[in-house]
Amino acid sequence: MATRNKTKACCCSKKKVRSEEEIKDLITRLNRIEGQVRGIRKMIEEDAYCVDVLTQVNAARCSLNSFSKVMLGSHIKSCVEEDVRNGSEEKIDELVDLLQKMMK
């Protein structure tokens, strides 16, 4: 498998080390979502019926929600759990803030 880019993440300085299996799963999910969005664009270009387009938009949204659930579960089982074991509650506070944003 290709070597991973070790440059600083664009959004912040925190990092998460993921297994190659986890990376492969996440990339597969993102590729599927990307394909769904390209399909929606093609449907618009081809004047597809509104209901059909909206059905595909819903499928893409469900795929994004599934991706988010996987990421959230991984975060809780690794980052949050480790932080709690080390006697800190920083990641719990961060998780609560994240959940509030996700539930808007």
PDB file of N, CA and C in Angstrom:
ATOM      1  N   MET A   1       0.850  -1.176   0.000  1.00  0.00           N
ATOM      2  CA  MET A   1       0.000   0.000   0.000  1.00  0.00           C
ATOM      3  C   MET A   1       0.895   1.239   0.000  1.00  0.00           C
ATOM      4  N   ALA A   2       0.405   2.340  -0.556  1.00  0.00           N
ATOM      5  CA  ALA A   2       1.193   3.569  -0.654  1.00  0.00           C
ATOM      6  C   ALA A   2       1.532   4.105   0.733  1.00  0.00           C
ATOM      7  N   THR A   3       2.674   4.782   0.819  1.00  0.00           N
ATOM      8  CA  THR A   3       3.047   5.387   2.094  1.00  0.00           C
ATOM      9  C   THR A   3       2.121   6.539   2.388  1.00  0.00           C
ATOM     10  N   ARG A   4       1.859   6.751   3.656  1.00  0.00           N
ATOM     11  CA  ARG A   4       0.941   7.788   4.071  1.00  0.00           C
ATOM     12  C   ARG A   4       1.650   9.117   4.171  1.00  0.00           C
ATOM     13  N   ASN A   5       0.944  10.155   3.794  1.00  0.00           N
ATOM     14  CA  ASN A   5       1.466  11.509   3.879  1.00  0.00           C
ATOM     15  C   ASN A   5       1.516  11.919   5.346  1.00  0.00           C
ATOM     16  N   LYS A   6       2.674  12.295   5.825  1.00  0.00           N
ATOM     17  CA  LYS A   6       2.845  12.643   7.237  1.00  0.00           C
ATOM     18  C   LYS A   6       2.842  14.152   7.469  1.00  0.00           C
ATOM     19  N   THR A   7       2.334  14.932   6.521  1.00  0.00           N
ATOM     20  CA  THR A   7       2.298  16.377   6.694  1.00  0.00           C
ATOM     21  C   THR A   7       1.208  16.759   7.677  1.00  0.00           C
ATOM     22  N   LYS A   8       1.306  17.964   8.177  1.00  0.00           N
ATOM     23  CA  LYS A   8       0.357  18.472   9.152  1.00  0.00           C
ATOM     24  C   LYS A   8      -1.045  18.530   8.550  1.00  0.00           C
ATOM     25  N   ALA A   9      -2.028  18.123   9.334  1.00  0.00           N
ATOM     26  CA  ALA A   9      -3.411  18.185   8.876  1.00  0.00           C
ATOM     27  C   ALA A   9      -3.797  19.637   8.632  1.00  0.00           C
ATOM     28  N   CYS A  10      -4.635  19.869   7.639  1.00  0.00           N
ATOM     29  CA  CYS A  10      -4.977  21.233   7.250  1.00  0.00           C
ATOM     30  C   CYS A  10      -5.863  21.942   8.264  1.00  0.00           C
ATOM     31  N   CYS A  11      -6.652  21.212   9.043  1.00  0.00           N
ATOM     32  CA  CYS A  11      -7.631  21.872   9.905  1.00  0.00           C
ATOM     33  C   CYS A  11      -7.132  22.127  11.320  1.00  0.00           C
ATOM     34  N   CYS A  12      -6.182  21.372  11.787  1.00  0.00           N
ATOM     35  CA  CYS A  12      -5.700  21.555  13.147  1.00  0.00           C
ATOM     36  C   CYS A  12      -4.407  20.777  13.346  1.00  0.00           C
ATOM     37  N   SER A  13      -3.841  20.893  14.529  1.00  0.00           N
ATOM     38  CA  SER A  13      -2.576  20.205  14.782  1.00  0.00           C
ATOM     39  C   SER A  13      -2.764  18.816  15.382  1.00  0.00           C
ATOM     40  N   LYS A  14      -3.973  18.481  15.807  1.00  0.00           N
ATOM     41  CA  LYS A  14      -4.234  17.154  16.362  1.00  0.00           C
ATOM     42  C   LYS A  14      -4.240  16.141  15.246  1.00  0.00           C
ATOM     43  N   LYS A  15      -3.808  14.931  15.558  1.00  0.00           N
ATOM     44  CA  LYS A  15      -3.795  13.857  14.570  1.00  0.00           C
ATOM     45  C   LYS A  15      -4.359  12.584  15.175  1.00  0.00           C
ATOM     46  N   LYS A  16      -4.770  11.689  14.319  1.00  0.00           N
ATOM     47  CA  LYS A  16      -5.281  10.384  14.726  1.00  0.00           C
ATOM     48  C   LYS A  16      -4.602   9.332  13.872  1.00  0.00           C
ATOM     49  N   VAL A  17      -3.913   8.424  14.499  1.00  0.00           N
ATOM     50  CA  VAL A  17      -3.282   7.328  13.771  1.00  0.00           C
ATOM     51  C   VAL A  17      -4.338   6.256  13.543  1.00  0.00           C
ATOM     52  N   ARG A  18      -4.507   5.885  12.272  1.00  0.00           N
ATOM     53  CA  ARG A  18      -5.495   4.879  11.908  1.00  0.00           C
ATOM     54  C   ARG A  18      -4.795   3.682  11.283  1.00  0.00           C
ATOM     55  N   SER A  19      -5.380   2.517  11.465  1.00  0.00           N
ATOM     56  CA  SER A  19      -4.837   1.316  10.838  1.00  0.00           C
ATOM     57  C   SER A  19      -5.076   1.398   9.335  1.00  0.00           C
ATOM     58  N   GLU A  20      -4.301   0.641   8.586  1.00  0.00           N
ATOM     59  CA  GLU A  20      -4.477   0.611   7.133  1.00  0.00           C
ATOM     60  C   GLU A  20      -5.879   0.102   6.780  1.00  0.00           C
ATOM     61  N   GLU A  21      -6.393  -0.843   7.557  1.00  0.00           N
ATOM     62  CA  GLU A  21      -7.736  -1.380   7.330  1.00  0.00           C
ATOM     63  C   GLU A  21      -8.796  -0.292   7.526  1.00  0.00           C
ATOM     64  N   GLU A  22      -8.633   0.506   8.593  1.00  0.00           N
ATOM     65  CA  GLU A  22      -9.583   1.581   8.860  1.00  0.00           C
ATOM     66  C   GLU A  22      -9.524   2.637   7.756  1.00  0.00           C
ATOM     67  N   ILE A  23      -8.332   2.975   7.329  1.00  0.00           N
ATOM     68  CA  ILE A  23      -8.171   3.951   6.248  1.00  0.00           C
ATOM     69  C   ILE A  23      -8.834   3.439   4.978  1.00  0.00           C
ATOM     70  N   LYS A  24      -8.596   2.177   4.662  1.00  0.00           N
ATOM     71  CA  LYS A  24      -9.180   1.590   3.449  1.00  0.00           C
ATOM     72  C   LYS A  24     -10.699   1.654   3.506  1.00  0.00           C
ATOM     73  N   ASP A  25     -11.291   1.309   4.651  1.00  0.00           N
ATOM     74  CA  ASP A  25     -12.741   1.344   4.814  1.00  0.00           C
ATOM     75  C   ASP A  25     -13.269   2.766   4.643  1.00  0.00           C
ATOM     76  N   LEU A  26     -12.629   3.728   5.279  1.00  0.00           N
ATOM     77  CA  LEU A  26     -13.089   5.115   5.194  1.00  0.00           C
ATOM     78  C   LEU A  26     -12.978   5.655   3.771  1.00  0.00           C
ATOM     79  N   ILE A  27     -11.872   5.360   3.101  1.00  0.00           N
ATOM     80  CA  ILE A  27     -11.678   5.810   1.724  1.00  0.00           C
ATOM     81  C   ILE A  27     -12.710   5.176   0.797  1.00  0.00           C
ATOM     82  N   THR A  28     -13.009   3.891   1.023  1.00  0.00           N
ATOM     83  CA  THR A  28     -14.029   3.212   0.224  1.00  0.00           C
ATOM     84  C   THR A  28     -15.380   3.900   0.382  1.00  0.00           C
ATOM     85  N   ARG A  29     -15.710   4.231   1.618  1.00  0.00           N
ATOM     86  CA  ARG A  29     -16.975   4.923   1.881  1.00  0.00           C
ATOM     87  C   ARG A  29     -17.001   6.290   1.200  1.00  0.00           C
ATOM     88  N   LEU A  30     -15.884   7.033   1.302  1.00  0.00           N
ATOM     89  CA  LEU A  30     -15.818   8.356   0.680  1.00  0.00           C
ATOM     90  C   LEU A  30     -15.890   8.261  -0.841  1.00  0.00           C
ATOM     91  N   ASN A  31     -15.248   7.258  -1.410  1.00  0.00           N
ATOM     92  CA  ASN A  31     -15.325   7.067  -2.862  1.00  0.00           C
ATOM     93  C   ASN A  31     -16.758   6.792  -3.306  1.00  0.00           C
ATOM     94  N   ARG A  32     -17.477   6.012  -2.508  1.00  0.00           N
ATOM     95  CA  ARG A  32     -18.874   5.707  -2.819  1.00  0.00           C
ATOM     96  C   ARG A  32     -19.710   6.991  -2.778  1.00  0.00           C
ATOM     97  N   ILE A  33     -19.489   7.801  -1.750  1.00  0.00           N
ATOM     98  CA  ILE A  33     -20.221   9.066  -1.617  1.00  0.00           C
ATOM     99  C   ILE A  33     -19.890   9.992  -2.785  1.00  0.00           C
ATOM    100  N   GLU A  34     -18.623  10.066  -3.116  1.00  0.00           N
ATOM    101  CA  GLU A  34     -18.192  10.894  -4.246  1.00  0.00           C
ATOM    102  C   GLU A  34     -18.875  10.445  -5.541  1.00  0.00           C
ATOM    103  N   GLY A  35     -18.956   9.140  -5.739  1.00  0.00           N
ATOM    104  CA  GLY A  35     -19.634   8.607  -6.912  1.00  0.00           C
ATOM    105  C   GLY A  35     -21.113   8.951  -6.918  1.00  0.00           C
ATOM    106  N   GLN A  36     -21.735   8.886  -5.756  1.00  0.00           N
ATOM    107  CA  GLN A  36     -23.155   9.236  -5.661  1.00  0.00           C
ATOM    108  C   GLN A  36     -23.371  10.704  -6.033  1.00  0.00           C
ATOM    109  N   VAL A  37     -22.502  11.576  -5.543  1.00  0.00           N
ATOM    110  CA  VAL A  37     -22.644  13.005  -5.842  1.00  0.00           C
ATOM    111  C   VAL A  37     -22.408  13.270  -7.328  1.00  0.00           C
ATOM    112  N   ARG A  38     -21.421  12.607  -7.905  1.00  0.00           N
ATOM    113  CA  ARG A  38     -21.208  12.739  -9.362  1.00  0.00           C
ATOM    114  C   ARG A  38     -22.437  12.249 -10.128  1.00  0.00           C
ATOM    115  N   GLY A  39     -23.045  11.177  -9.641  1.00  0.00           N
ATOM    116  CA  GLY A  39     -24.258  10.659 -10.270  1.00  0.00           C
ATOM    117  C   GLY A  39     -25.399  11.658 -10.203  1.00  0.00           C
ATOM    118  N   ILE A  40     -25.521  12.345  -9.091  1.00  0.00           N
ATOM    119  CA  ILE A  40     -26.557  13.368  -8.947  1.00  0.00           C
ATOM    120  C   ILE A  40     -26.303  14.504  -9.936  1.00  0.00           C
ATOM    121  N   ARG A  41     -25.059  14.909 -10.050  1.00  0.00           N
ATOM    122  CA  ARG A  41     -24.718  15.969 -11.006  1.00  0.00           C
ATOM    123  C   ARG A  41     -25.102  15.551 -12.439  1.00  0.00           C
ATOM    124  N   LYS A  42     -24.788  14.308 -12.777  1.00  0.00           N
ATOM    125  CA  LYS A  42     -25.110  13.800 -14.113  1.00  0.00           C
ATOM    126  C   LYS A  42     -26.621  13.785 -14.324  1.00  0.00           C
ATOM    127  N   MET A  43     -27.360  13.415 -13.287  1.00  0.00           N
ATOM    128  CA  MET A  43     -28.812  13.409 -13.389  1.00  0.00           C
ATOM    129  C   MET A  43     -29.340  14.815 -13.683  1.00  0.00           C
ATOM    130  N   ILE A  44     -28.770  15.809 -13.019  1.00  0.00           N
ATOM    131  CA  ILE A  44     -29.185  17.198 -13.253  1.00  0.00           C
ATOM    132  C   ILE A  44     -28.854  17.599 -14.687  1.00  0.00           C
ATOM    133  N   GLU A  45     -27.661  17.248 -15.142  1.00  0.00           N
ATOM    134  CA  GLU A  45     -27.240  17.575 -16.509  1.00  0.00           C
ATOM    135  C   GLU A  45     -28.137  16.900 -17.545  1.00  0.00           C
ATOM    136  N   GLU A  46     -28.685  15.751 -17.196  1.00  0.00           N
ATOM    137  CA  GLU A  46     -29.531  14.995 -18.122  1.00  0.00           C
ATOM    138  C   GLU A  46     -31.023  15.230 -17.881  1.00  0.00           C
ATOM    139  N   ASP A  47     -31.342  16.275 -17.096  1.00  0.00           N
ATOM    140  CA  ASP A  47     -32.737  16.659 -16.835  1.00  0.00           C
ATOM    141  C   ASP A  47     -33.563  15.541 -16.202  1.00  0.00           C
ATOM    142  N   ALA A  48     -32.978  14.827 -15.257  1.00  0.00           N
ATOM    143  CA  ALA A  48     -33.705  13.750 -14.580  1.00  0.00           C
ATOM    144  C   ALA A  48     -34.875  14.320 -13.782  1.00  0.00           C
ATOM    145  N   TYR A  49     -35.853  13.489 -13.574  1.00  0.00           N
ATOM    146  CA  TYR A  49     -37.052  13.842 -12.822  1.00  0.00           C
ATOM    147  C   TYR A  49     -36.680  14.190 -11.375  1.00  0.00           C
ATOM    148  N   CYS A  50     -37.314  15.232 -10.847  1.00  0.00           N
ATOM    149  CA  CYS A  50     -36.989  15.757  -9.508  1.00  0.00           C
ATOM    150  C   CYS A  50     -37.001  14.683  -8.427  1.00  0.00           C
ATOM    151  N   VAL A  51     -38.024  13.854  -8.417  1.00  0.00           N
ATOM    152  CA  VAL A  51     -38.149  12.820  -7.388  1.00  0.00           C
ATOM    153  C   VAL A  51     -36.974  11.847  -7.464  1.00  0.00           C
ATOM    154  N   ASP A  52     -36.547  11.513  -8.669  1.00  0.00           N
ATOM    155  CA  ASP A  52     -35.413  10.608  -8.833  1.00  0.00           C
ATOM    156  C   ASP A  52     -34.122  11.246  -8.305  1.00  0.00           C
ATOM    157  N   VAL A  53     -33.943  12.534  -8.585  1.00  0.00           N
ATOM    158  CA  VAL A  53     -32.757  13.242  -8.086  1.00  0.00           C
ATOM    159  C   VAL A  53     -32.791  13.290  -6.562  1.00  0.00           C
ATOM    160  N   LEU A  54     -33.930  13.650  -6.013  1.00  0.00           N
ATOM    161  CA  LEU A  54     -34.046  13.744  -4.553  1.00  0.00           C
ATOM    162  C   LEU A  54     -33.852  12.389  -3.875  1.00  0.00           C
ATOM    163  N   THR A  55     -34.270  11.325  -4.531  1.00  0.00           N
ATOM    164  CA  THR A  55     -34.029   9.980  -3.997  1.00  0.00           C
ATOM    165  C   THR A  55     -32.533   9.708  -3.906  1.00  0.00           C
ATOM    166  N   GLN A  56     -31.799  10.111  -4.930  1.00  0.00           N
ATOM    167  CA  GLN A  56     -30.345   9.918  -4.919  1.00  0.00           C
ATOM    168  C   GLN A  56     -29.657  10.830  -3.911  1.00  0.00           C
ATOM    169  N   VAL A  57     -30.180  12.050  -3.743  1.00  0.00           N
ATOM    170  CA  VAL A  57     -29.640  12.958  -2.721  1.00  0.00           C
ATOM    171  C   VAL A  57     -29.809  12.326  -1.344  1.00  0.00           C
ATOM    172  N   ASN A  58     -30.961  11.729  -1.104  1.00  0.00           N
ATOM    173  CA  ASN A  58     -31.196  11.066   0.175  1.00  0.00           C
ATOM    174  C   ASN A  58     -30.234   9.892   0.376  1.00  0.00           C
ATOM    175  N   ALA A  59     -29.966   9.141  -0.680  1.00  0.00           N
ATOM    176  CA  ALA A  59     -29.017   8.022  -0.579  1.00  0.00           C
ATOM    177  C   ALA A  59     -27.626   8.530  -0.232  1.00  0.00           C
ATOM    178  N   ALA A  60     -27.217   9.642  -0.839  1.00  0.00           N
ATOM    179  CA  ALA A  60     -25.907  10.225  -0.530  1.00  0.00           C
ATOM    180  C   ALA A  60     -25.869  10.716   0.911  1.00  0.00           C
ATOM    181  N   ARG A  61     -26.949  11.327   1.367  1.00  0.00           N
ATOM    182  CA  ARG A  61     -27.026  11.803   2.750  1.00  0.00           C
ATOM    183  C   ARG A  61     -26.919  10.621   3.725  1.00  0.00           C
ATOM    184  N   CYS A  62     -27.591   9.532   3.413  1.00  0.00           N
ATOM    185  CA  CYS A  62     -27.511   8.335   4.259  1.00  0.00           C
ATOM    186  C   CYS A  62     -26.087   7.790   4.305  1.00  0.00           C
ATOM    187  N   SER A  63     -25.410   7.820   3.163  1.00  0.00           N
ATOM    188  CA  SER A  63     -24.014   7.369   3.117  1.00  0.00           C
ATOM    189  C   SER A  63     -23.122   8.267   3.961  1.00  0.00           C
ATOM    190  N   LEU A  64     -23.342   9.576   3.900  1.00  0.00           N
ATOM    191  CA  LEU A  64     -22.569  10.505   4.738  1.00  0.00           C
ATOM    192  C   LEU A  64     -22.861  10.265   6.215  1.00  0.00           C
ATOM    193  N   ASN A  65     -24.124  10.028   6.542  1.00  0.00           N
ATOM    194  CA  ASN A  65     -24.471   9.739   7.939  1.00  0.00           C
ATOM    195  C   ASN A  65     -23.792   8.462   8.417  1.00  0.00           C
ATOM    196  N   SER A  66     -23.758   7.456   7.562  1.00  0.00           N
ATOM    197  CA  SER A  66     -23.090   6.206   7.908  1.00  0.00           C
ATOM    198  C   SER A  66     -21.598   6.435   8.136  1.00  0.00           C
ATOM    199  N   PHE A  67     -20.991   7.222   7.254  1.00  0.00           N
ATOM    200  CA  PHE A  67     -19.574   7.574   7.405  1.00  0.00           C
ATOM    201  C   PHE A  67     -19.348   8.272   8.745  1.00  0.00           C
ATOM    202  N   SER A  68     -20.219   9.219   9.080  1.00  0.00           N
ATOM    203  CA  SER A  68     -20.097   9.954  10.343  1.00  0.00           C
ATOM    204  C   SER A  68     -20.214   9.030  11.549  1.00  0.00           C
ATOM    205  N   LYS A  69     -21.127   8.063  11.475  1.00  0.00           N
ATOM    206  CA  LYS A  69     -21.296   7.113  12.580  1.00  0.00           C
ATOM    207  C   LYS A  69     -20.032   6.281  12.791  1.00  0.00           C
ATOM    208  N   VAL A  70     -19.424   5.852  11.692  1.00  0.00           N
ATOM    209  CA  VAL A  70     -18.186   5.073  11.793  1.00  0.00           C
ATOM    210  C   VAL A  70     -17.078   5.924  12.424  1.00  0.00           C
ATOM    211  N   MET A  71     -16.949   7.169  11.942  1.00  0.00           N
ATOM    212  CA  MET A  71     -15.922   8.067  12.480  1.00  0.00           C
ATOM    213  C   MET A  71     -16.163   8.360  13.957  1.00  0.00           C
ATOM    214  N   LEU A  72     -17.414   8.618  14.303  1.00  0.00           N
ATOM    215  CA  LEU A  72     -17.764   8.922  15.686  1.00  0.00           C
ATOM    216  C   LEU A  72     -17.481   7.732  16.590  1.00  0.00           C
ATOM    217  N   GLY A  73     -17.868   6.547  16.155  1.00  0.00           N
ATOM    218  CA  GLY A  73     -17.599   5.342  16.944  1.00  0.00           C
ATOM    219  C   GLY A  73     -16.113   5.133  17.151  1.00  0.00           C
ATOM    220  N   SER A  74     -15.344   5.321  16.122  1.00  0.00           N
ATOM    221  CA  SER A  74     -13.894   5.179  16.214  1.00  0.00           C
ATOM    222  C   SER A  74     -13.309   6.197  17.187  1.00  0.00           C
ATOM    223  N   HIS A  75     -13.793   7.421  17.100  1.00  0.00           N
ATOM    224  CA  HIS A  75     -13.304   8.479  17.983  1.00  0.00           C
ATOM    225  C   HIS A  75     -13.593   8.154  19.450  1.00  0.00           C
ATOM    226  N   ILE A  76     -14.804   7.693  19.710  1.00  0.00           N
ATOM    227  CA  ILE A  76     -15.175   7.362  21.089  1.00  0.00           C
ATOM    228  C   ILE A  76     -14.351   6.188  21.611  1.00  0.00           C
ATOM    229  N   LYS A  77     -14.182   5.155  20.780  1.00  0.00           N
ATOM    230  CA  LYS A  77     -13.477   3.950  21.208  1.00  0.00           C
ATOM    231  C   LYS A  77     -11.970   4.148  21.328  1.00  0.00           C
ATOM    232  N   SER A  78     -11.446   5.177  20.728  1.00  0.00           N
ATOM    233  CA  SER A  78      -9.997   5.384  20.801  1.00  0.00           C
ATOM    234  C   SER A  78      -9.660   6.674  21.539  1.00  0.00           C
ATOM    235  N   CYS A  79      -9.868   7.794  20.918  1.00  0.00           N
ATOM    236  CA  CYS A  79      -9.449   9.087  21.473  1.00  0.00           C
ATOM    237  C   CYS A  79     -10.113   9.398  22.815  1.00  0.00           C
ATOM    238  N   VAL A  80     -11.438   9.289  22.872  1.00  0.00           N
ATOM    239  CA  VAL A  80     -12.166   9.629  24.094  1.00  0.00           C
ATOM    240  C   VAL A  80     -11.828   8.637  25.203  1.00  0.00           C
ATOM    241  N   GLU A  81     -11.847   7.352  24.865  1.00  0.00           N
ATOM    242  CA  GLU A  81     -11.542   6.321  25.868  1.00  0.00           C
ATOM    243  C   GLU A  81     -10.141   6.519  26.449  1.00  0.00           C
ATOM    244  N   GLU A  82      -9.173   6.798  25.601  1.00  0.00           N
ATOM    245  CA  GLU A  82      -7.794   7.009  26.064  1.00  0.00           C
ATOM    246  C   GLU A  82      -7.706   8.224  26.984  1.00  0.00           C
ATOM    247  N   ASP A  83      -8.382   9.288  26.614  1.00  0.00           N
ATOM    248  CA  ASP A  83      -8.376  10.508  27.413  1.00  0.00           C
ATOM    249  C   ASP A  83      -8.970  10.251  28.802  1.00  0.00           C
ATOM    250  N   VAL A  84     -10.080   9.528  28.862  1.00  0.00           N
ATOM    251  CA  VAL A  84     -10.722   9.214  30.137  1.00  0.00           C
ATOM    252  C   VAL A  84      -9.812   8.343  30.993  1.00  0.00           C
ATOM    253  N   ARG A  85      -9.184   7.349  30.379  1.00  0.00           N
ATOM    254  CA  ARG A  85      -8.269   6.482  31.128  1.00  0.00           C
ATOM    255  C   ARG A  85      -7.089   7.258  31.710  1.00  0.00           C
ATOM    256  N   ASN A  86      -6.718   8.332  31.031  1.00  0.00           N
ATOM    257  CA  ASN A  86      -5.615   9.164  31.511  1.00  0.00           C
ATOM    258  C   ASN A  86      -6.080  10.224  32.506  1.00  0.00           C
ATOM    259  N   GLY A  87      -7.350  10.171  32.897  1.00  0.00           N
ATOM    260  CA  GLY A  87      -7.871  11.070  33.922  1.00  0.00           C
ATOM    261  C   GLY A  87      -8.270  12.444  33.415  1.00  0.00           C
ATOM    262  N   SER A  88      -8.386  12.606  32.127  1.00  0.00           N
ATOM    263  CA  SER A  88      -8.761  13.900  31.558  1.00  0.00           C
ATOM    264  C   SER A  88     -10.181  13.832  31.011  1.00  0.00           C
ATOM    265  N   GLU A  89     -10.819  14.976  30.950  1.00  0.00           N
ATOM    266  CA  GLU A  89     -12.167  15.040  30.382  1.00  0.00           C
ATOM    267  C   GLU A  89     -12.222  15.977  29.177  1.00  0.00           C
ATOM    268  N   GLU A  90     -11.080  16.381  28.675  1.00  0.00           N
ATOM    269  CA  GLU A  90     -11.027  17.301  27.537  1.00  0.00           C
ATOM    270  C   GLU A  90     -11.764  16.743  26.326  1.00  0.00           C
ATOM    271  N   LYS A  91     -11.527  15.477  26.009  1.00  0.00           N
ATOM    272  CA  LYS A  91     -12.149  14.872  24.831  1.00  0.00           C
ATOM    273  C   LYS A  91     -13.652  14.673  25.032  1.00  0.00           C
ATOM    274  N   ILE A  92     -14.083  14.489  26.264  1.00  0.00           N
ATOM    275  CA  ILE A  92     -15.521  14.375  26.532  1.00  0.00           C
ATOM    276  C   ILE A  92     -16.200  15.709  26.235  1.00  0.00           C
ATOM    277  N   ASP A  93     -15.591  16.803  26.707  1.00  0.00           N
ATOM    278  CA  ASP A  93     -16.141  18.127  26.427  1.00  0.00           C
ATOM    279  C   ASP A  93     -16.157  18.390  24.924  1.00  0.00           C
ATOM    280  N   GLU A  94     -15.079  18.008  24.250  1.00  0.00           N
ATOM    281  CA  GLU A  94     -14.979  18.166  22.803  1.00  0.00           C
ATOM    282  C   GLU A  94     -16.077  17.349  22.105  1.00  0.00           C
ATOM    283  N   LEU A  95     -16.319  16.131  22.588  1.00  0.00           N
ATOM    284  CA  LEU A  95     -17.345  15.258  22.023  1.00  0.00           C
ATOM    285  C   LEU A  95     -18.739  15.854  22.213  1.00  0.00           C
ATOM    286  N   VAL A  96     -19.012  16.391  23.389  1.00  0.00           N
ATOM    287  CA  VAL A  96     -20.314  17.015  23.642  1.00  0.00           C
ATOM    288  C   VAL A  96     -20.536  18.181  22.677  1.00  0.00           C
ATOM    289  N   ASP A  97     -19.513  19.013  22.489  1.00  0.00           N
ATOM    290  CA  ASP A  97     -19.619  20.131  21.545  1.00  0.00           C
ATOM    291  C   ASP A  97     -19.875  19.620  20.123  1.00  0.00           C
ATOM    292  N   LEU A  98     -19.150  18.576  19.738  1.00  0.00           N
ATOM    293  CA  LEU A  98     -19.312  17.997  18.407  1.00  0.00           C
ATOM    294  C   LEU A  98     -20.728  17.476  18.209  1.00  0.00           C
ATOM    295  N   LEU A  99     -21.233  16.739  19.174  1.00  0.00           N
ATOM    296  CA  LEU A  99     -22.584  16.177  19.067  1.00  0.00           C
ATOM    297  C   LEU A  99     -23.631  17.279  18.953  1.00  0.00           C
ATOM    298  N   GLN A 100     -23.446  18.378  19.677  1.00  0.00           N
ATOM    299  CA  GLN A 100     -24.382  19.485  19.582  1.00  0.00           C
ATOM    300  C   GLN A 100     -24.377  20.080  18.174  1.00  0.00           C
ATOM    301  N   LYS A 101     -23.188  20.185  17.570  1.00  0.00           N
ATOM    302  CA  LYS A 101     -23.099  20.699  16.200  1.00  0.00           C
ATOM    303  C   LYS A 101     -23.724  19.731  15.211  1.00  0.00           C
ATOM    304  N   MET A 102     -23.498  18.439  15.416  1.00  0.00           N
ATOM    305  CA  MET A 102     -24.014  17.426  14.486  1.00  0.00           C
ATOM    306  C   MET A 102     -25.529  17.301  14.549  1.00  0.00           C
ATOM    307  N   MET A 103     -26.123  17.660  15.671  1.00  0.00           N
ATOM    308  CA  MET A 103     -27.565  17.458  15.847  1.00  0.00           C
ATOM    309  C   MET A 103     -28.383  18.687  15.482  1.00  0.00           C
ATOM    310  N   LYS A 104     -27.768  19.692  14.911  1.00  0.00           N
ATOM    311  CA  LYS A 104     -28.522  20.893  14.492  1.00  0.00           C
ATOM    312  C   LYS A 104     -29.397  20.582  13.322  1.00  0.00           C
TER     313      LYS A 104
END
